[in-house]
Structures are given as structure tokens and as C-alpha cells.
């Protein structure tokens, strides 16, 4: 192969494999907004669950102690 053929083949290969610039569509904005809101709600529920979880053993212990004291 001559240098010209190699250059031409390289140019064709590069054009076939080039990545096109990302265009922003309105649907992309909606997807991003939905994902961000889903992550925010999931994180909020996770934090709320972690805040509630440590209080349950104490509440159970207080109720069981009160039941024993009533007897």
C-alpha cells in the first residue's frame, strides 16, 4: 500500500468511528430532572430510615421495662 492509500483508509476509519457531538434535547432534560428527584427522594428516605432505626430498640426496651414494673 502506498502512503496515500494508508492515509485515505485511516481517514475513512476515523470518520466511521468518530463520536458525534452530544445534542441536548428536551426529553434529556426531563430524564435528568426525574433522575435527580428520584435520587433525592431515595436519599431522604434512607436518612429518615436511619434516623428512625436507632430509636426503636430504646422504645422497645422502655415498653418492656414498663410492662415488668406493672406486674
PDB file of N, CA and C in Angstrom:
ATOM      1  N   UNK A   1       0.840  -1.191   0.000  1.00  0.00           N
ATOM      2  CA  UNK A   1       0.000   0.000   0.000  1.00  0.00           C
ATOM      3  C   UNK A   1       0.874   1.240   0.000  1.00  0.00           C
ATOM      4  N   UNK A   2       0.436   2.175  -0.726  1.00  0.00           N
ATOM      5  CA  UNK A   2       1.179   3.429  -0.744  1.00  0.00           C
ATOM      6  C   UNK A   2       0.751   4.292   0.437  1.00  0.00           C
ATOM      7  N   UNK A   3       1.502   5.309   0.684  1.00  0.00           N
ATOM      8  CA  UNK A   3       1.202   6.223   1.787  1.00  0.00           C
ATOM      9  C   UNK A   3      -0.157   6.880   1.575  1.00  0.00           C
ATOM     10  N   UNK A   4      -0.483   7.183   0.335  1.00  0.00           N
ATOM     11  CA  UNK A   4      -1.773   7.806   0.037  1.00  0.00           C
ATOM     12  C   UNK A   4      -2.931   6.872   0.370  1.00  0.00           C
ATOM     13  N   UNK A   5      -2.796   5.589   0.031  1.00  0.00           N
ATOM     14  CA  UNK A   5      -3.850   4.633   0.353  1.00  0.00           C
ATOM     15  C   UNK A   5      -3.999   4.454   1.863  1.00  0.00           C
ATOM     16  N   UNK A   6      -2.905   4.417   2.584  1.00  0.00           N
ATOM     17  CA  UNK A   6      -2.950   4.285   4.040  1.00  0.00           C
ATOM     18  C   UNK A   6      -3.620   5.503   4.661  1.00  0.00           C
ATOM     19  N   UNK A   7      -3.280   6.688   4.173  1.00  0.00           N
ATOM     20  CA  UNK A   7      -3.880   7.912   4.695  1.00  0.00           C
ATOM     21  C   UNK A   7      -5.372   7.949   4.413  1.00  0.00           C
ATOM     22  N   UNK A   8      -5.763   7.521   3.216  1.00  0.00           N
ATOM     23  CA  UNK A   8      -7.178   7.505   2.854  1.00  0.00           C
ATOM     24  C   UNK A   8      -7.939   6.490   3.705  1.00  0.00           C
ATOM     25  N   UNK A   9      -7.384   5.301   3.903  1.00  0.00           N
ATOM     26  CA  UNK A   9      -8.028   4.289   4.738  1.00  0.00           C
ATOM     27  C   UNK A   9      -8.127   4.769   6.186  1.00  0.00           C
ATOM     28  N   UNK A  10      -7.108   5.427   6.655  1.00  0.00           N
ATOM     29  CA  UNK A  10      -7.122   5.960   8.019  1.00  0.00           C
ATOM     30  C   UNK A  10      -8.200   7.026   8.174  1.00  0.00           C
ATOM     31  N   UNK A  11      -8.343   7.885   7.174  1.00  0.00           N
ATOM     32  CA  UNK A  11      -9.360   8.928   7.211  1.00  0.00           C
ATOM     33  C   UNK A  11     -10.769   8.324   7.204  1.00  0.00           C
ATOM     34  N   UNK A  12     -10.989   7.304   6.377  1.00  0.00           N
ATOM     35  CA  UNK A  12     -12.299   6.642   6.321  1.00  0.00           C
ATOM     36  C   UNK A  12     -12.606   5.980   7.658  1.00  0.00           C
ATOM     37  N   UNK A  13     -11.621   5.276   8.227  1.00  0.00           N
ATOM     38  CA  UNK A  13     -11.836   4.610   9.514  1.00  0.00           C
ATOM     39  C   UNK A  13     -12.149   5.638  10.611  1.00  0.00           C
ATOM     40  N   UNK A  14     -11.444   6.758  10.610  1.00  0.00           N
ATOM     41  CA  UNK A  14     -11.654   7.786  11.631  1.00  0.00           C
ATOM     42  C   UNK A  14     -13.056   8.386  11.515  1.00  0.00           C
ATOM     43  N   UNK A  15     -13.520   8.613  10.319  1.00  0.00           N
ATOM     44  CA  UNK A  15     -14.870   9.184  10.150  1.00  0.00           C
ATOM     45  C   UNK A  15     -15.957   8.207  10.578  1.00  0.00           C
ATOM     46  N   UNK A  16     -15.745   6.937  10.349  1.00  0.00           N
ATOM     47  CA  UNK A  16     -16.743   5.939  10.763  1.00  0.00           C
ATOM     48  C   UNK A  16     -16.807   5.795  12.280  1.00  0.00           C
ATOM     49  N   UNK A  17     -15.700   6.007  12.949  1.00  0.00           N
ATOM     50  CA  UNK A  17     -15.641   5.782  14.391  1.00  0.00           C
ATOM     51  C   UNK A  17     -15.619   7.067  15.220  1.00  0.00           C
ATOM     52  N   UNK A  18     -15.821   8.191  14.596  1.00  0.00           N
ATOM     53  CA  UNK A  18     -15.823   9.430  15.374  1.00  0.00           C
ATOM     54  C   UNK A  18     -17.127   9.562  16.154  1.00  0.00           C
ATOM     55  N   UNK A  19     -17.016  10.165  17.298  1.00  0.00           N
ATOM     56  CA  UNK A  19     -18.206  10.377  18.126  1.00  0.00           C
ATOM     57  C   UNK A  19     -18.799  11.726  17.774  1.00  0.00           C
ATOM     58  N   UNK A  20     -20.071  11.695  17.596  1.00  0.00           N
ATOM     59  CA  UNK A  20     -20.754  12.937  17.249  1.00  0.00           C
ATOM     60  C   UNK A  20     -20.980  13.749  18.506  1.00  0.00           C
ATOM     61  N   UNK A  21     -21.048  15.048  18.353  1.00  0.00           N
ATOM     62  CA  UNK A  21     -21.303  15.922  19.490  1.00  0.00           C
ATOM     63  C   UNK A  21     -22.665  15.651  20.090  1.00  0.00           C
ATOM     64  N   UNK A  22     -22.732  15.691  21.397  1.00  0.00           N
ATOM     65  CA  UNK A  22     -23.985  15.410  22.080  1.00  0.00           C
ATOM     66  C   UNK A  22     -24.912  16.619  21.964  1.00  0.00           C
ATOM     67  N   UNK A  23     -26.085  16.388  21.469  1.00  0.00           N
ATOM     68  CA  UNK A  23     -27.080  17.450  21.356  1.00  0.00           C
ATOM     69  C   UNK A  23     -28.050  17.321  22.521  1.00  0.00           C
ATOM     70  N   UNK A  24     -28.429  18.430  23.099  1.00  0.00           N
ATOM     71  CA  UNK A  24     -29.342  18.429  24.240  1.00  0.00           C
ATOM     72  C   UNK A  24     -30.771  18.520  23.741  1.00  0.00           C
ATOM     73  N   UNK A  25     -31.578  17.530  24.087  1.00  0.00           N
ATOM     74  CA  UNK A  25     -32.986  17.533  23.729  1.00  0.00           C
ATOM     75  C   UNK A  25     -33.814  17.853  24.960  1.00  0.00           C
ATOM     76  N   UNK A  26     -35.069  18.217  24.741  1.00  0.00           N
ATOM     77  CA  UNK A  26     -35.953  18.498  25.863  1.00  0.00           C
ATOM     78  C   UNK A  26     -36.208  17.236  26.680  1.00  0.00           C
ATOM     79  N   UNK A  27     -36.286  16.100  26.009  1.00  0.00           N
ATOM     80  CA  UNK A  27     -36.515  14.850  26.734  1.00  0.00           C
ATOM     81  C   UNK A  27     -35.327  14.505  27.628  1.00  0.00           C
ATOM     82  N   UNK A  28     -34.119  14.905  27.229  1.00  0.00           N
ATOM     83  CA  UNK A  28     -32.952  14.674  28.071  1.00  0.00           C
ATOM     84  C   UNK A  28     -33.059  15.468  29.366  1.00  0.00           C
ATOM     85  N   UNK A  29     -33.544  16.679  29.282  1.00  0.00           N
ATOM     86  CA  UNK A  29     -33.711  17.494  30.482  1.00  0.00           C
ATOM     87  C   UNK A  29     -34.724  16.888  31.430  1.00  0.00           C
ATOM     88  N   UNK A  30     -35.788  16.338  30.884  1.00  0.00           N
ATOM     89  CA  UNK A  30     -36.800  15.692  31.720  1.00  0.00           C
ATOM     90  C   UNK A  30     -36.227  14.448  32.387  1.00  0.00           C
ATOM     91  N   UNK A  31     -35.438  13.678  31.646  1.00  0.00           N
ATOM     92  CA  UNK A  31     -34.816  12.487  32.225  1.00  0.00           C
ATOM     93  C   UNK A  31     -33.879  12.863  33.365  1.00  0.00           C
ATOM     94  N   UNK A  32     -33.092  13.905  33.174  1.00  0.00           N
ATOM     95  CA  UNK A  32     -32.169  14.344  34.217  1.00  0.00           C
ATOM     96  C   UNK A  32     -32.940  14.807  35.434  1.00  0.00           C
ATOM     97  N   UNK A  33     -33.999  15.564  35.228  1.00  0.00           N
ATOM     98  CA  UNK A  33     -34.808  16.051  36.346  1.00  0.00           C
ATOM     99  C   UNK A  33     -35.444  14.890  37.107  1.00  0.00           C
ATOM    100  N   UNK A  34     -35.963  13.904  36.397  1.00  0.00           N
ATOM    101  CA  UNK A  34     -36.559  12.734  37.048  1.00  0.00           C
ATOM    102  C   UNK A  34     -35.523  11.936  37.831  1.00  0.00           C
ATOM    103  N   UNK A  35     -34.352  11.773  37.269  1.00  0.00           N
ATOM    104  CA  UNK A  35     -33.310  11.020  37.973  1.00  0.00           C
ATOM    105  C   UNK A  35     -32.845  11.743  39.220  1.00  0.00           C
ATOM    106  N   UNK A  36     -32.675  13.058  39.118  1.00  0.00           N
ATOM    107  CA  UNK A  36     -32.242  13.829  40.284  1.00  0.00           C
ATOM    108  C   UNK A  36     -33.301  13.788  41.370  1.00  0.00           C
ATOM    109  N   UNK A  37     -34.566  13.928  41.000  1.00  0.00           N
ATOM    110  CA  UNK A  37     -35.631  13.887  42.001  1.00  0.00           C
ATOM    111  C   UNK A  37     -35.736  12.491  42.617  1.00  0.00           C
ATOM    112  N   UNK A  38     -35.558  11.432  41.826  1.00  0.00           N
ATOM    113  CA  UNK A  38     -35.602  10.074  42.370  1.00  0.00           C
ATOM    114  C   UNK A  38     -34.471   9.848  43.361  1.00  0.00           C
ATOM    115  N   UNK A  39     -33.274  10.291  43.022  1.00  0.00           N
ATOM    116  CA  UNK A  39     -32.135  10.135  43.930  1.00  0.00           C
ATOM    117  C   UNK A  39     -32.353  10.936  45.201  1.00  0.00           C
ATOM    118  N   UNK A  40     -32.897  12.137  45.083  1.00  0.00           N
ATOM    119  CA  UNK A  40     -33.155  12.964  46.268  1.00  0.00           C
ATOM    120  C   UNK A  40     -34.173  12.297  47.188  1.00  0.00           C
ATOM    121  N   UNK A  41     -35.258  11.780  46.627  1.00  0.00           N
ATOM    122  CA  UNK A  41     -36.286  11.120  47.440  1.00  0.00           C
ATOM    123  C   UNK A  41     -35.719   9.847  48.076  1.00  0.00           C
ATOM    124  N   UNK A  42     -34.965   9.060  47.320  1.00  0.00           N
ATOM    125  CA  UNK A  42     -34.386   7.833  47.861  1.00  0.00           C
ATOM    126  C   UNK A  42     -33.410   8.147  48.992  1.00  0.00           C
ATOM    127  N   UNK A  43     -32.586   9.158  48.816  1.00  0.00           N
ATOM    128  CA  UNK A  43     -31.621   9.540  49.850  1.00  0.00           C
ATOM    129  C   UNK A  43     -32.335  10.065  51.088  1.00  0.00           C
ATOM    130  N   UNK A  44     -33.396  10.839  50.891  1.00  0.00           N
ATOM    131  CA  UNK A  44     -34.168  11.358  52.021  1.00  0.00           C
ATOM    132  C   UNK A  44     -34.810  10.219  52.801  1.00  0.00           C
ATOM    133  N   UNK A  45     -35.382   9.235  52.096  1.00  0.00           N
ATOM    134  CA  UNK A  45     -35.977   8.083  52.766  1.00  0.00           C
ATOM    135  C   UNK A  45     -34.922   7.252  53.497  1.00  0.00           C
ATOM    136  N   UNK A  46     -33.750   7.128  52.905  1.00  0.00           N
ATOM    137  CA  UNK A  46     -32.676   6.399  53.559  1.00  0.00           C
ATOM    138  C   UNK A  46     -32.255   7.071  54.856  1.00  0.00           C
ATOM    139  N   UNK A  47     -32.068   8.382  54.815  1.00  0.00           N
ATOM    140  CA  UNK A  47     -31.671   9.119  56.015  1.00  0.00           C
ATOM    141  C   UNK A  47     -32.775   9.046  57.068  1.00  0.00           C
ATOM    142  N   UNK A  48     -34.038   9.180  56.655  1.00  0.00           N
ATOM    143  CA  UNK A  48     -35.147   9.089  57.605  1.00  0.00           C
ATOM    144  C   UNK A  48     -35.192   7.705  58.236  1.00  0.00           C
ATOM    145  N   UNK A  49     -34.977   6.672  57.451  1.00  0.00           N
ATOM    146  CA  UNK A  49     -34.960   5.314  57.992  1.00  0.00           C
ATOM    147  C   UNK A  49     -33.825   5.098  58.965  1.00  0.00           C
ATOM    148  N   UNK A  50     -32.657   5.659  58.659  1.00  0.00           N
ATOM    149  CA  UNK A  50     -31.525   5.527  59.573  1.00  0.00           C
ATOM    150  C   UNK A  50     -31.748   6.308  60.861  1.00  0.00           C
ATOM    151  N   UNK A  51     -32.456   7.416  60.782  1.00  0.00           N
ATOM    152  CA  UNK A  51     -32.750   8.194  61.994  1.00  0.00           C
ATOM    153  C   UNK A  51     -33.791   7.505  62.861  1.00  0.00           C
ATOM    154  N   UNK A  52     -34.725   6.797  62.239  1.00  0.00           N
ATOM    155  CA  UNK A  52     -35.775   6.111  62.995  1.00  0.00           C
ATOM    156  C   UNK A  52     -35.233   4.821  63.617  1.00  0.00           C
ATOM    157  N   UNK A  53     -34.361   4.116  62.902  1.00  0.00           N
ATOM    158  CA  UNK A  53     -33.888   2.800  63.333  1.00  0.00           C
ATOM    159  C   UNK A  53     -33.237   2.803  64.723  1.00  0.00           C
ATOM    160  N   UNK A  54     -32.377   3.741  65.081  1.00  0.00           N
ATOM    161  CA  UNK A  54     -31.773   3.676  66.409  1.00  0.00           C
ATOM    162  C   UNK A  54     -32.788   3.895  67.530  1.00  0.00           C
ATOM    163  N   UNK A  55     -33.891   4.582  67.291  1.00  0.00           N
ATOM    164  CA  UNK A  55     -34.863   4.845  68.333  1.00  0.00           C
ATOM    165  C   UNK A  55     -35.718   3.641  68.675  1.00  0.00           C
ATOM    166  N   UNK A  56     -35.870   2.689  67.789  1.00  0.00           N
ATOM    167  CA  UNK A  56     -36.762   1.548  68.032  1.00  0.00           C
ATOM    168  C   UNK A  56     -36.301   0.641  69.170  1.00  0.00           C
ATOM    169  N   UNK A  57     -35.024   0.259  69.258  1.00  0.00           N
ATOM    170  CA  UNK A  57     -34.645  -0.603  70.377  1.00  0.00           C
ATOM    171  C   UNK A  57     -34.875   0.073  71.739  1.00  0.00           C
ATOM    172  N   UNK A  58     -34.659   1.356  71.822  1.00  0.00           N
ATOM    173  CA  UNK A  58     -34.900   2.064  73.079  1.00  0.00           C
ATOM    174  C   UNK A  58     -36.380   2.054  73.410  1.00  0.00           C
ATOM    175  N   UNK A  59     -37.224   2.303  72.425  1.00  0.00           N
ATOM    176  CA  UNK A  59     -38.660   2.320  72.670  1.00  0.00           C
ATOM    177  C   UNK A  59     -39.124   0.929  73.115  1.00  0.00           C
ATOM    178  N   UNK A  60     -38.599  -0.125  72.489  1.00  0.00           N
ATOM    179  CA  UNK A  60     -38.992  -1.475  72.883  1.00  0.00           C
ATOM    180  C   UNK A  60     -38.505  -1.776  74.302  1.00  0.00           C
ATOM    181  N   UNK A  61     -37.301  -1.341  74.607  1.00  0.00           N
ATOM    182  CA  UNK A  61     -36.766  -1.582  75.950  1.00  0.00           C
ATOM    183  C   UNK A  61     -37.571  -0.812  76.993  1.00  0.00           C
ATOM    184  N   UNK A  62     -37.982   0.405  76.688  1.00  0.00           N
ATOM    185  CA  UNK A  62     -38.764   1.189  77.647  1.00  0.00           C
ATOM    186  C   UNK A  62     -40.126   0.551  77.862  1.00  0.00           C
ATOM    187  N   UNK A  63     -40.753   0.061  76.793  1.00  0.00           N
ATOM    188  CA  UNK A  63     -42.072  -0.562  76.943  1.00  0.00           C
ATOM    189  C   UNK A  63     -41.985  -1.869  77.719  1.00  0.00           C
ATOM    190  N   UNK A  64     -40.952  -2.673  77.445  1.00  0.00           N
ATOM    191  CA  UNK A  64     -40.831  -3.947  78.161  1.00  0.00           C
ATOM    192  C   UNK A  64     -40.533  -3.693  79.640  1.00  0.00           C
ATOM    193  N   UNK A  65     -39.738  -2.661  79.933  1.00  0.00           N
ATOM    194  CA  UNK A  65     -39.443  -2.355  81.329  1.00  0.00           C
ATOM    195  C   UNK A  65     -40.708  -1.875  82.042  1.00  0.00           C
ATOM    196  N   UNK A  66     -41.524  -1.095  81.375  1.00  0.00           N
ATOM    197  CA  UNK A  66     -42.755  -0.621  81.983  1.00  0.00           C
ATOM    198  C   UNK A  66     -43.723  -1.788  82.224  1.00  0.00           C
ATOM    199  N   UNK A  67     -43.744  -2.756  81.330  1.00  0.00           N
ATOM    200  CA  UNK A  67     -44.630  -3.912  81.495  1.00  0.00           C
ATOM    201  C   UNK A  67     -44.187  -4.747  82.694  1.00  0.00           C
ATOM    202  N   UNK A  68     -42.901  -4.855  82.909  1.00  0.00           N
ATOM    203  CA  UNK A  68     -42.400  -5.622  84.044  1.00  0.00           C
ATOM    204  C   UNK A  68     -42.705  -4.888  85.344  1.00  0.00           C
ATOM    205  N   UNK A  69     -42.607  -3.581  85.321  1.00  0.00           N
ATOM    206  CA  UNK A  69     -42.860  -2.797  86.527  1.00  0.00           C
ATOM    207  C   UNK A  69     -44.338  -2.829  86.909  1.00  0.00           C
ATOM    208  N   UNK A  70     -45.242  -2.955  85.953  1.00  0.00           N
ATOM    209  CA  UNK A  70     -46.668  -3.009  86.253  1.00  0.00           C
ATOM    210  C   UNK A  70     -47.066  -4.281  86.954  1.00  0.00           C
ATOM    211  N   UNK A  71     -46.351  -5.344  86.756  1.00  0.00           N
ATOM    212  CA  UNK A  71     -46.691  -6.625  87.381  1.00  0.00           C
ATOM    213  C   UNK A  71     -46.395  -6.531  88.822  1.00  0.00           C
TER     214      UNK A  71
END
